[in-house]
Protein backbone atom coordinates (compact mmCIF):
# COMPACT_ATOMS: atom_id res chain seq x y z
CA UNK A 1 -117.20 4.41 60.58
CA UNK A 2 -119.27 2.03 58.51
CA UNK A 3 -120.47 3.17 55.15
CA UNK A 4 -124.26 3.50 54.94
CA UNK A 5 -126.40 2.01 52.17
CA UNK A 6 -129.84 0.61 51.39
CA UNK A 7 -131.15 -2.91 51.00
CA UNK A 8 -134.44 -3.90 49.29
CA UNK A 9 -136.67 -6.09 51.44
CA UNK A 10 -138.64 -8.48 49.21
CA UNK A 11 -141.20 -9.32 51.89
CA UNK A 12 -142.11 -5.78 52.82
CA UNK A 13 -141.32 -4.40 49.40
CA UNK A 14 -139.41 -1.54 50.93
CA UNK A 15 -135.81 -0.28 51.34
CA UNK A 16 -134.05 -0.57 54.63
CA UNK A 17 -130.94 1.35 55.58
CA UNK A 18 -127.83 -0.80 56.23
CA UNK A 19 -124.15 -0.08 56.94
CA UNK A 20 -120.94 -1.51 55.25
CA UNK A 21 -118.00 -2.68 57.39
CA UNK A 22 -114.45 -1.36 56.99
CA UNK A 23 -113.26 -4.88 56.18
CA UNK A 24 -115.47 -5.10 53.13
CA UNK A 25 -114.37 -1.65 52.04
CA UNK A 26 -110.65 -2.58 52.38
CA UNK A 27 -111.27 -5.81 50.49
CA UNK A 28 -112.81 -3.80 47.66
CA UNK A 29 -109.86 -1.43 47.56
CA UNK A 30 -107.39 -4.32 47.44
CA UNK A 31 -109.35 -5.95 44.65
CA UNK A 32 -109.20 -2.80 42.53
CA UNK A 33 -105.49 -2.32 43.30
CA UNK A 34 -104.67 -5.87 42.21
CA UNK A 35 -106.65 -5.45 39.03
CA UNK A 36 -104.82 -2.20 38.29
CA UNK A 37 -101.44 -3.77 39.04
CA UNK A 38 -102.21 -6.69 36.74
CA UNK A 39 -103.23 -4.32 33.97
CA UNK A 40 -99.98 -2.34 34.46
CA UNK A 41 -97.91 -5.54 34.21
CA UNK A 42 -99.67 -6.52 31.00
CA UNK A 43 -99.09 -3.07 29.52
CA UNK A 44 -95.40 -3.20 30.51
CA UNK A 45 -94.93 -6.62 28.93
CA UNK A 46 -96.62 -5.52 25.72
CA UNK A 47 -94.46 -2.38 25.60
CA UNK A 48 -91.21 -4.20 26.40
CA UNK A 49 -91.86 -6.83 23.74
CA UNK A 50 -92.85 -4.28 21.13
CA UNK A 51 -90.35 -1.49 21.80
CA UNK A 52 -86.68 -1.41 22.81
CA UNK A 53 -84.96 1.03 25.10
CA UNK A 54 -81.83 2.84 23.84
CA UNK A 55 -79.70 0.57 26.01
CA UNK A 56 -81.34 -2.55 24.60
CA UNK A 57 -80.83 -1.27 21.06
CA UNK A 58 -77.17 -0.65 21.81
CA UNK A 59 -76.81 -4.15 23.24
CA UNK A 60 -78.44 -5.62 20.14
CA UNK A 61 -76.07 -3.69 17.90
CA UNK A 62 -73.13 -4.92 19.95
CA UNK A 63 -74.37 -8.49 19.68
CA UNK A 64 -74.62 -8.19 15.91
CA UNK A 65 -71.10 -6.78 15.72
CA UNK A 66 -69.80 -9.61 17.89
CA UNK A 67 -71.60 -12.18 15.75
CA UNK A 68 -69.99 -10.73 12.60
CA UNK A 69 -66.63 -10.68 14.36
CA UNK A 70 -67.01 -14.34 15.31
CA UNK A 71 -67.85 -15.24 11.70
CA UNK A 72 -64.77 -13.38 10.48
CA UNK A 73 -62.59 -15.17 13.01
CA UNK A 74 -64.11 -18.50 12.06
CA UNK A 75 -63.30 -17.88 8.40
CA UNK A 76 -59.72 -16.88 9.24
CA UNK A 77 -59.34 -19.88 11.51
CA UNK A 78 -60.64 -22.25 8.84
CA UNK A 79 -58.36 -20.75 6.17
CA UNK A 80 -55.24 -20.93 8.32
CA UNK A 81 -56.11 -24.45 9.47
CA UNK A 82 -56.56 -25.59 5.87
CA UNK A 83 -53.19 -24.15 4.87
CA UNK A 84 -51.51 -25.73 7.88
CA UNK A 85 -53.11 -29.08 7.17
CA UNK A 86 -51.83 -28.95 3.61
CA UNK A 87 -48.33 -27.95 4.72
CA UNK A 88 -48.21 -30.68 7.35
CA UNK A 89 -49.43 -33.28 4.89
CA UNK A 90 -46.75 -32.33 2.39
CA UNK A 91 -44.14 -32.20 5.13
CA UNK A 92 -45.02 -35.50 6.83
CA UNK A 93 -46.32 -37.81 4.14
CA UNK A 94 -44.47 -36.75 1.00
CA UNK A 95 -41.33 -34.65 1.18
CA UNK A 96 -39.92 -36.08 4.38
CA UNK A 97 -40.34 -39.56 2.90
CA UNK A 98 -38.85 -38.55 -0.43
CA UNK A 99 -35.75 -37.05 1.18
CA UNK A 100 -35.49 -39.68 3.93
CA UNK A 101 -35.84 -37.01 6.62
CA UNK A 102 -37.77 -37.25 9.86
CA UNK A 103 -41.43 -36.15 9.81
CA UNK A 104 -42.79 -33.36 11.99
CA UNK A 105 -42.66 -34.07 15.72
CA UNK A 106 -45.74 -35.46 17.43
CA UNK A 107 -45.66 -32.68 20.02
CA UNK A 108 -46.16 -30.12 17.24
CA UNK A 109 -49.27 -31.98 16.13
CA UNK A 110 -50.44 -32.16 19.75
CA UNK A 111 -49.96 -28.41 20.02
CA UNK A 112 -52.05 -27.95 16.90
CA UNK A 113 -54.85 -30.03 18.40
CA UNK A 114 -54.64 -28.02 21.63
CA UNK A 115 -55.08 -24.76 19.70
CA UNK A 116 -58.14 -26.16 17.97
CA UNK A 117 -59.59 -27.30 21.30
CA UNK A 118 -59.03 -23.83 22.78
CA UNK A 119 -60.97 -22.24 19.94
CA UNK A 120 -63.83 -24.75 20.15
CA UNK A 121 -64.11 -24.24 23.92
CA UNK A 122 -64.21 -20.47 23.46
CA UNK A 123 -67.04 -20.82 20.96
CA UNK A 124 -69.06 -22.86 23.47
CA UNK A 125 -68.50 -20.39 26.31
CA UNK A 126 -69.71 -17.34 24.40
CA UNK A 127 -68.53 -14.07 22.91
CA UNK A 128 -66.49 -12.85 25.88
CA UNK A 129 -64.51 -16.05 26.02
CA UNK A 130 -64.15 -15.87 22.26
CA UNK A 131 -62.58 -12.42 22.45
CA UNK A 132 -60.22 -13.44 25.24
CA UNK A 133 -59.09 -16.58 23.45
CA UNK A 134 -58.97 -15.32 19.87
CA UNK A 135 -55.67 -13.50 20.17
CA UNK A 136 -53.89 -16.52 21.66
CA UNK A 137 -55.40 -18.85 19.08
CA UNK A 138 -54.39 -16.71 16.11
CA UNK A 139 -50.89 -16.21 17.50
CA UNK A 140 -50.57 -19.96 17.92
CA UNK A 141 -51.79 -20.60 14.40
CA UNK A 142 -49.38 -18.03 12.99
CA UNK A 143 -46.49 -19.67 14.85
CA UNK A 144 -47.50 -23.07 13.51
CA UNK A 145 -47.73 -21.68 9.98
CA UNK A 146 -44.25 -20.17 10.23
CA UNK A 147 -42.79 -23.42 11.57
CA UNK A 148 -44.47 -25.55 8.93
CA UNK A 149 -43.49 -23.14 6.17
CA UNK A 150 -39.88 -23.04 7.40
CA UNK A 151 -39.76 -26.83 7.44
CA UNK A 152 -41.25 -26.92 3.96
CA UNK A 153 -38.70 -24.38 2.70
CA UNK A 154 -35.89 -26.47 4.17
CA UNK A 155 -37.06 -29.47 2.18
CA UNK A 156 -37.38 -27.47 -1.03
CA UNK A 157 -33.86 -26.10 -0.54
CA UNK A 158 -32.62 -29.65 0.03
CA UNK A 159 -34.22 -30.75 -3.23
CA UNK A 160 -32.77 -27.84 -5.16
CA UNK A 161 -29.32 -28.44 -3.68
CA UNK A 162 -29.36 -32.12 -4.68
CA UNK A 163 -29.48 -31.44 -8.43
CA UNK A 164 -29.09 -35.07 -9.48
CA UNK A 165 -31.88 -36.23 -7.21
CA UNK A 166 -34.19 -33.43 -8.35
CA UNK A 167 -33.66 -34.39 -11.98
CA UNK A 168 -34.24 -38.11 -11.36
CA UNK A 169 -37.57 -37.54 -9.60
CA UNK A 170 -40.56 -35.81 -11.30
CA UNK A 171 -40.13 -32.29 -9.95
CA UNK A 172 -41.37 -29.86 -12.63
CA UNK A 173 -44.65 -29.38 -14.48
CA UNK A 174 -45.10 -31.28 -17.77
CA UNK A 175 -45.66 -28.04 -19.69
CA UNK A 176 -45.07 -24.32 -19.29
CA UNK A 177 -47.60 -23.13 -16.69
CA UNK A 178 -45.85 -20.16 -15.12
CA UNK A 179 -49.18 -18.37 -14.64
CA UNK A 180 -50.65 -21.43 -12.85
CA UNK A 181 -53.87 -21.01 -14.84
CA UNK A 182 -53.75 -24.08 -17.09
CA UNK A 183 -54.78 -26.66 -14.49
CA UNK A 184 -58.23 -27.94 -15.49
CA UNK A 185 -58.83 -30.90 -13.15
CA UNK A 186 -56.96 -32.18 -10.08
CA UNK A 187 -56.08 -35.60 -8.73
CA UNK A 188 -58.88 -37.29 -6.78
CA UNK A 189 -62.50 -38.35 -7.11
CA UNK A 190 -64.17 -36.33 -9.85
CA UNK A 191 -67.21 -36.50 -12.13
CA UNK A 192 -66.36 -38.33 -15.37
CA UNK A 193 -67.34 -36.11 -18.34
CA UNK A 194 -68.62 -39.01 -20.45
CA UNK A 195 -69.89 -41.60 -17.95
CA UNK A 196 -71.43 -38.92 -15.68
CA UNK A 197 -70.41 -40.74 -12.52
CA UNK A 198 -67.83 -40.20 -9.79
CA UNK A 199 -64.53 -41.91 -10.53
CA UNK A 200 -60.97 -41.66 -9.27
CA UNK A 201 -59.09 -39.22 -11.46
CA UNK A 202 -55.54 -40.52 -11.19
CA UNK A 203 -53.77 -37.52 -12.66
CA UNK A 204 -53.75 -33.81 -13.34
CA UNK A 205 -55.38 -32.26 -16.42
CA UNK A 206 -53.91 -29.20 -18.13
CA UNK A 207 -55.97 -27.16 -20.62
CA UNK A 208 -53.81 -25.96 -23.51
CA UNK A 209 -54.15 -25.45 -27.28
CA UNK A 210 -53.29 -28.21 -29.74
CA UNK A 211 -49.56 -28.16 -30.44
CA UNK A 212 -48.54 -26.77 -27.02
CA UNK A 213 -45.17 -28.36 -26.06
CA UNK A 214 -45.12 -31.20 -23.52
CA UNK A 215 -41.87 -32.00 -21.70
CA UNK A 216 -40.41 -34.75 -19.52
CA UNK A 217 -40.60 -33.95 -15.83
CA UNK A 218 -37.49 -35.98 -14.92
CA UNK A 219 -34.64 -37.94 -16.46
CA UNK A 220 -35.74 -41.38 -17.58
CA UNK A 221 -36.36 -43.93 -20.30
CA UNK A 222 -39.42 -44.06 -22.56
CA UNK A 223 -41.15 -47.27 -21.49
CA UNK A 224 -44.02 -47.20 -23.95
CA UNK A 225 -45.49 -45.15 -26.78
CA UNK A 226 -49.17 -45.66 -27.63
CA UNK A 227 -50.96 -44.20 -30.63
CA UNK A 228 -54.72 -44.55 -30.32
CA UNK A 229 -58.02 -42.72 -30.60
CA UNK A 230 -59.48 -44.52 -27.58
CA UNK A 231 -59.06 -44.08 -23.85
CA UNK A 232 -56.01 -41.94 -23.16
CA UNK A 233 -55.34 -41.49 -26.89
CA UNK A 234 -51.73 -40.91 -27.91
CA UNK A 235 -49.71 -41.63 -24.77
CA UNK A 236 -46.09 -41.64 -23.64
CA UNK A 237 -44.96 -43.47 -20.48
CA UNK A 238 -41.53 -42.72 -19.00
CA UNK A 239 -39.82 -44.64 -16.18
CA UNK A 240 -37.55 -42.81 -13.75
CA UNK A 241 -35.20 -43.69 -10.91
CA UNK A 242 -36.29 -44.44 -7.33
CA UNK A 243 -39.51 -46.21 -8.34
CA UNK A 244 -41.16 -43.35 -10.22
CA UNK A 245 -42.87 -43.27 -13.61
CA UNK A 246 -44.90 -40.63 -15.45
CA UNK A 247 -47.68 -40.76 -18.06
CA UNK A 248 -48.54 -38.12 -20.67
CA UNK A 249 -51.89 -38.66 -22.44
CA UNK A 250 -54.12 -37.18 -25.19
CA UNK A 251 -51.05 -36.04 -27.13
CA UNK A 252 -51.28 -34.80 -30.69
CA UNK A 253 -47.71 -35.28 -31.86
CA UNK A 254 -45.26 -37.72 -30.22
CA UNK A 255 -41.58 -36.81 -30.58
CA UNK A 256 -39.90 -39.78 -28.84
CA UNK A 257 -39.62 -43.51 -29.44
CA UNK A 258 -39.88 -46.47 -27.09
CA UNK A 259 -36.57 -47.13 -25.32
CA UNK A 260 -35.22 -43.61 -25.86
CA UNK A 261 -33.48 -41.84 -22.99
CA UNK A 262 -34.93 -38.45 -22.11
CA UNK A 263 -33.72 -35.70 -19.85
CA UNK A 264 -35.77 -33.43 -17.63
CA UNK A 265 -37.35 -30.66 -19.73
CA UNK A 266 -36.81 -32.47 -23.03
CA UNK A 267 -39.82 -32.36 -25.44
CA UNK A 268 -41.95 -35.51 -25.55
CA UNK A 269 -44.72 -34.28 -27.83
CA UNK A 270 -47.50 -31.73 -28.05
CA UNK A 271 -50.92 -31.26 -26.49
CA UNK A 272 -53.83 -32.77 -28.40
CA UNK A 273 -57.35 -34.10 -27.98
CA UNK A 274 -56.91 -37.75 -28.93
CA UNK A 275 -58.89 -40.43 -27.11
CA UNK A 276 -61.75 -39.71 -24.71
CA UNK A 277 -61.17 -36.04 -24.05
CA UNK A 278 -63.64 -33.16 -24.02
CA UNK A 279 -61.18 -30.58 -25.38
CA UNK A 280 -57.46 -30.18 -26.09
CA UNK A 281 -55.71 -31.09 -22.86
CA UNK A 282 -52.79 -32.94 -21.33
CA UNK A 283 -53.52 -35.68 -18.80
CA UNK A 284 -50.43 -36.11 -16.60
CA UNK A 285 -49.85 -38.84 -14.02
CA UNK A 286 -47.10 -39.61 -11.52
CA UNK A 287 -46.74 -43.17 -10.20
CA UNK A 288 -44.60 -44.22 -7.24
CA UNK A 289 -43.91 -47.95 -6.95
CA UNK A 290 -46.84 -48.63 -9.26
CA UNK A 291 -49.41 -46.48 -7.43
CA UNK A 292 -50.74 -43.13 -8.72
CA UNK A 293 -49.92 -40.15 -6.48
CA UNK A 294 -50.95 -36.49 -6.63
CA UNK A 295 -48.71 -34.76 -9.20
CA UNK A 296 -49.13 -31.39 -7.45
CA UNK A 297 -46.78 -32.64 -4.74
CA UNK A 298 -43.96 -33.07 -7.26
CA UNK A 299 -43.40 -29.58 -8.65
CA UNK A 300 -41.02 -28.48 -5.89
CA UNK A 301 -38.08 -27.76 -8.20
CA UNK A 302 -40.10 -25.28 -10.28
CA UNK A 303 -42.55 -23.70 -7.81
CA UNK A 304 -42.03 -22.16 -4.39
CA UNK A 305 -44.31 -23.12 -1.45
CA UNK A 306 -46.72 -20.23 -2.04
CA UNK A 307 -47.07 -21.11 -5.72
CA UNK A 308 -47.61 -24.77 -4.83
CA UNK A 309 -50.34 -23.82 -2.38
CA UNK A 310 -52.00 -21.60 -4.99
CA UNK A 311 -51.79 -24.32 -7.65
CA UNK A 312 -53.33 -26.87 -5.28
CA UNK A 313 -56.15 -24.45 -4.47
CA UNK A 314 -56.86 -23.71 -8.13
CA UNK A 315 -56.80 -27.41 -8.97
CA UNK A 316 -59.30 -28.19 -6.21
CA UNK A 317 -61.88 -25.70 -7.52
CA UNK A 318 -62.91 -27.85 -10.49
CA UNK A 319 -65.52 -30.57 -10.06
CA UNK A 320 -65.16 -32.52 -13.31
CA UNK A 321 -62.21 -34.04 -15.12
CA UNK A 322 -61.61 -33.62 -18.85
CA UNK A 323 -61.17 -37.33 -19.59
């Protein structure tokens, strides 16, 4: 039944009764329903963007926990990788060469790269893949660390067994540093304290009081003795077997003469602050076939692998040399 209504007739200036079809009525209902539905959608979107359901809150908490877990794993992965890199470098480029032994096998290095690729792929695929892969990655890293450490220990034992060789090659620290706290600046590019520019620091600096004993790190012959207030200050240079030589700078007192034979551990002088030096310190260098090398790699007779790793870490924390 059509709905009745009234229409104003402009010509007769009167109202006439008219009816409304069901189609127009249905169209009106649909229009109001669509408007109501649209308003409901808008309200839902506003609510969902402004408030979280308990399930959503739980998921957010889980995501935060996973993110923290990933950061922790990343830190552990980076630390273990750094230690392994240091062990492999010592194993392959220094100690194996020194003792004429074969370096680490290429397949071990390939396995290391594969472990790193597994971890990187897991990071790209998301948290679930990260959790599934983490255990295998950490187990692989631990195995690599044990293998590298075992190889390193074998080399140290070889050095200690060959007493003559160990005494001919610089293999102890140039002064008593049993606490490993006297290292002030490492080998490598560092800020020069006077020129205020980056320069290659070709040795290792030890901070110690004036008069602290300095000793020879291997058997050898005193090649040169320099007494000066410039540059390296009072300096002793000792030549050793197998192409090695060592330099001891900024000394206060010098106790040897040029041409004298010295034995490992024998006093050469005392710590001072002669030459261009910010404070009392010993600048110590190791040269192999005329080229400076990192002295930290040549303390294997005195320090075990863990102590060597700690010393290298402490040395790397300083940004400026003392001379």
